[in-house]
Protein backbone atom coordinates (compact mmCIF):
# COMPACT_ATOMS: atom_id res chain seq x y z
CA MET A 1 -6.65 17.90 -11.96
CA LYS A 2 -4.58 14.70 -12.01
CA THR A 3 -5.76 11.41 -13.38
CA TYR A 4 -4.16 8.15 -12.28
CA THR A 5 -4.62 4.93 -14.21
CA TYR A 6 -4.19 1.58 -12.48
CA PRO A 7 -2.84 -1.50 -14.29
CA ASP A 8 -6.36 -2.94 -14.50
CA GLY A 9 -7.45 0.15 -16.47
CA SER A 10 -9.49 1.79 -13.69
CA ARG A 11 -8.88 5.48 -13.14
CA ILE A 12 -9.00 7.95 -10.32
CA SER A 13 -9.22 11.70 -10.95
CA GLU A 14 -8.71 14.14 -8.14
CA ASP A 15 -7.95 17.76 -7.43
CA PHE A 16 -5.66 17.19 -4.47
CA SER A 17 -5.35 20.83 -3.32
CA GLU A 18 -8.36 20.74 -0.96
CA PHE A 19 -7.35 17.25 0.17
CA ALA A 20 -3.85 18.53 1.09
CA GLU A 21 -5.28 21.51 3.02
CA GLN A 22 -7.50 19.23 5.11
CA TYR A 23 -4.63 16.79 5.68
CA ALA A 24 -2.59 19.64 7.16
CA LYS A 25 -5.45 20.33 9.60
CA LYS A 26 -6.03 16.69 10.63
CA PRO A 27 -2.72 14.81 10.45
CA GLN A 28 -3.43 12.45 13.36
CA GLU A 29 -6.80 11.37 11.95
CA ALA A 30 -5.23 10.74 8.55
CA LEU A 31 -2.36 8.78 10.10
CA LYS A 32 -4.87 6.49 11.84
CA VAL A 33 -6.39 5.70 8.45
CA LEU A 34 -2.95 5.08 6.92
CA LYS A 35 -1.99 2.76 9.79
CA LYS A 36 -5.24 0.81 9.48
CA HIS A 37 -4.83 0.26 5.76
CA GLY A 38 -1.11 -0.43 6.15
CA LEU A 39 -1.94 -3.33 8.45
CA ILE A 40 -4.53 -4.63 5.98
CA ILE A 41 -1.99 -4.46 3.15
CA GLN A 42 0.58 -6.18 5.39
CA ALA A 43 -1.83 -9.03 6.14
CA ASN A 44 -2.92 -9.45 2.52
CA SER A 45 0.68 -9.30 1.26
CA ALA A 46 1.67 -12.04 3.70
CA LYS A 47 -1.32 -14.12 2.59
CA ASP A 48 -0.34 -13.65 -1.08
CA ALA A 49 3.42 -14.18 -0.62
CA PRO A 50 4.91 -17.38 -2.00
CA VAL A 51 5.85 -19.82 0.76
CA ASP A 52 8.83 -22.10 0.90
CA THR A 53 10.19 -21.67 4.42
CA GLY A 54 7.77 -18.94 5.52
CA ALA A 55 10.58 -16.43 6.02
CA LEU A 56 9.26 -14.05 3.35
CA ARG A 57 5.71 -14.18 4.68
CA ASN A 58 6.86 -13.63 8.27
CA SER A 59 9.14 -10.72 7.33
CA ILE A 60 6.42 -8.45 5.89
CA ILE A 61 5.84 -5.44 8.13
CA SER A 62 3.94 -2.17 8.20
CA GLU A 63 5.75 0.69 9.91
CA ASP A 64 5.18 4.41 10.49
CA ILE A 65 7.93 6.48 8.88
CA ASP A 66 6.55 9.91 9.83
CA GLU A 67 3.15 11.54 10.32
CA LYS A 68 2.37 11.18 6.61
CA THR A 69 3.97 7.88 5.67
CA VAL A 70 3.37 4.22 6.42
CA ARG A 71 5.72 1.77 4.69
CA ILE A 72 4.95 -1.87 4.01
CA SER A 73 8.04 -3.91 3.20
CA ASP A 74 9.57 -7.32 3.40
CA GLY A 75 12.72 -8.07 5.33
CA VAL A 76 14.38 -10.71 3.22
CA GLU A 77 16.93 -10.05 0.51
CA TYR A 78 15.11 -12.14 -2.09
CA GLY A 79 11.68 -10.50 -1.64
CA VAL A 80 12.20 -8.13 -4.55
CA PHE A 81 12.90 -11.08 -6.86
CA GLN A 82 9.67 -12.77 -5.78
CA GLU A 83 7.73 -9.51 -6.24
CA LEU A 84 9.14 -8.55 -9.66
CA GLY A 85 10.50 -11.82 -11.06
CA THR A 86 13.88 -12.41 -12.67
CA SER A 87 15.32 -13.07 -16.09
CA ARG A 88 16.34 -16.52 -14.83
CA GLY A 89 12.89 -18.01 -14.60
CA VAL A 90 11.39 -16.72 -11.35
CA SER A 91 7.96 -15.38 -12.30
CA ALA A 92 6.66 -12.20 -10.67
CA LYS A 93 4.25 -12.80 -7.78
CA HIS A 94 3.27 -9.16 -7.04
CA PHE A 95 2.30 -10.01 -3.47
CA LEU A 96 3.04 -6.45 -2.21
CA GLY A 97 1.89 -4.57 -5.28
CA GLY A 98 -1.28 -6.59 -5.69
CA ALA A 99 -2.30 -6.17 -2.06
CA THR A 100 -1.62 -2.44 -2.29
CA GLU A 101 -3.63 -2.02 -5.49
CA ARG A 102 -6.61 -3.88 -4.03
CA GLN A 103 -6.57 -1.63 -0.96
CA ALA A 104 -6.20 1.69 -2.82
CA ASN A 105 -9.89 2.50 -3.27
CA PRO A 106 -10.90 1.67 0.34
CA LEU A 107 -7.91 3.71 1.57
CA PHE A 108 -8.87 6.75 -0.50
CA SER A 109 -12.51 6.43 0.53
CA ASP A 110 -11.59 6.39 4.21
CA LEU A 111 -9.19 9.32 3.79
CA LYS A 112 -11.86 11.34 1.99
CA GLU A 113 -14.30 10.64 4.81
CA VAL A 114 -11.85 11.63 7.57
CA LEU A 115 -10.63 14.71 5.71
CA LYS A 116 -14.00 16.20 4.77
CA PRO A 117 -13.95 19.97 5.28
């Protein structure tokens, strides 16, 4: 059984073998859940993103990569520096990471519900 610890100290412990078996049986249902939460993370990331011109906020997208993956990313070259900060005085904003962390528990709850045996 794996245990994951989030930066805020909360933990999640799961035996993922049954989860993976059910995912293989219901990939379309699981993808719907991933898409839904990807859009929520996209919206919350945009809301949390620092704004100067609005380019960063407007570049954040959620896209399907395959039947198991939804990627949320920004489309500007400086987004990573806003997310993580720099050694030259730009403080980390964690607009993508923070939105993703806040959505993790609802995402897992919805996946568990859809993938019940």
